[in-house]
Protein backbone atom coordinates (compact mmCIF):
# COMPACT_ATOMS: atom_id res chain seq x y z
CA MET A 1 78.68 92.32 121.69
CA ASN A 2 75.41 93.21 119.64
CA LYS A 3 75.46 92.96 116.18
CA LEU A 4 75.06 96.57 115.72
CA ARG A 5 78.34 97.10 117.24
CA ARG A 6 79.99 94.52 115.42
CA LYS A 7 78.79 96.47 112.20
CA LYS A 8 80.25 99.49 113.18
CA LEU A 9 83.50 98.08 113.85
CA GLU A 10 83.25 95.38 111.01
CA ASP A 11 82.55 99.18 108.88
CA ILE A 12 85.71 100.87 110.59
CA SER A 13 87.99 98.30 109.97
CA ALA A 14 86.79 97.67 106.41
CA LYS A 15 87.47 101.86 105.98
CA LEU A 16 90.58 101.28 107.72
CA SER A 17 92.05 98.85 105.64
CA GLU A 18 91.02 101.08 102.35
CA LEU A 19 93.13 103.77 103.96
CA GLN A 20 96.28 101.50 104.61
CA GLU A 21 95.97 100.55 100.58
CA MET A 22 95.81 104.14 99.36
CA LEU A 23 98.98 104.89 102.51
CA ALA A 24 101.06 101.73 101.08
CA SER A 25 100.52 102.70 97.45
CA LEU A 26 101.78 106.04 98.73
CA GLN A 27 104.66 104.42 100.02
CA GLU A 28 105.44 102.74 96.70
CA ASP A 29 105.08 105.96 94.42
CA GLU A 30 107.42 107.51 97.55
CA GLU A 31 110.08 104.40 97.15
CA GLU A 32 110.07 104.77 93.64
CA TYR A 33 111.12 108.37 93.84
CA ARG A 34 113.98 108.38 96.49
CA ASP A 35 115.16 105.06 94.70
CA ASN A 36 115.25 106.88 90.78
CA MET A 37 117.06 110.26 92.03
CA PRO A 38 120.29 110.57 90.39
CA GLU A 39 123.58 108.79 92.05
CA ASN A 40 124.68 113.18 92.91
CA LEU A 41 121.43 113.47 94.64
CA GLN A 42 121.20 110.63 96.99
CA GLY A 43 122.63 111.78 100.58
CA GLY A 44 121.57 114.90 100.26
CA GLU A 45 118.66 116.68 101.58
CA ARG A 46 115.63 115.45 98.95
CA TYR A 47 116.69 112.02 99.67
CA GLU A 48 116.47 112.12 103.33
CA LYS A 49 113.50 114.09 103.30
CA ALA A 50 111.64 111.47 100.84
CA ASP A 51 113.48 108.90 102.83
CA SER A 52 111.98 110.15 106.02
CA ALA A 53 108.83 110.44 104.37
CA VAL A 54 109.13 106.77 103.18
CA ASP A 55 109.39 105.70 106.75
CA ALA A 56 106.87 107.39 108.32
CA ILE A 57 104.28 106.14 105.90
CA GLU A 58 105.39 102.87 106.54
CA SER A 59 104.52 103.22 110.20
CA ALA A 60 101.41 104.67 109.42
CA VAL A 61 100.71 101.28 107.49
CA SER A 62 101.79 99.07 109.99
CA SER A 63 99.94 100.78 113.10
CA ILE A 64 96.87 100.85 110.85
CA GLU A 65 97.14 96.95 110.28
CA GLU A 66 97.47 96.82 113.99
CA ALA A 67 94.45 98.53 114.54
CA VAL A 68 92.43 96.04 112.13
CA ASP A 69 93.79 93.45 113.85
CA TYR A 70 92.53 94.80 117.46
CA ILE A 71 89.09 95.69 115.84
CA SER A 72 88.92 91.99 114.38
CA THR A 73 89.83 90.25 117.84
CA ALA A 74 87.05 92.84 119.39
CA VAL A 75 84.58 91.68 116.83
CA GLU A 76 85.31 87.57 117.55
């Protein structure tokens, strides 16, 4: 791999890492929202939606992490 393509991959990896951090922060916010719901709302529709959002964001964070790992392998 030449330097130009390697540099482009490194730039993409850095951007993905930044997005991963942003998503992780949103995940924490949504977890806090879900965890601080009053007991009478837990198990309800709002709680289930928040829980589902946490799971989906967690999957996105994990997928981005995997993509960054693949890019690192390609750059080596």
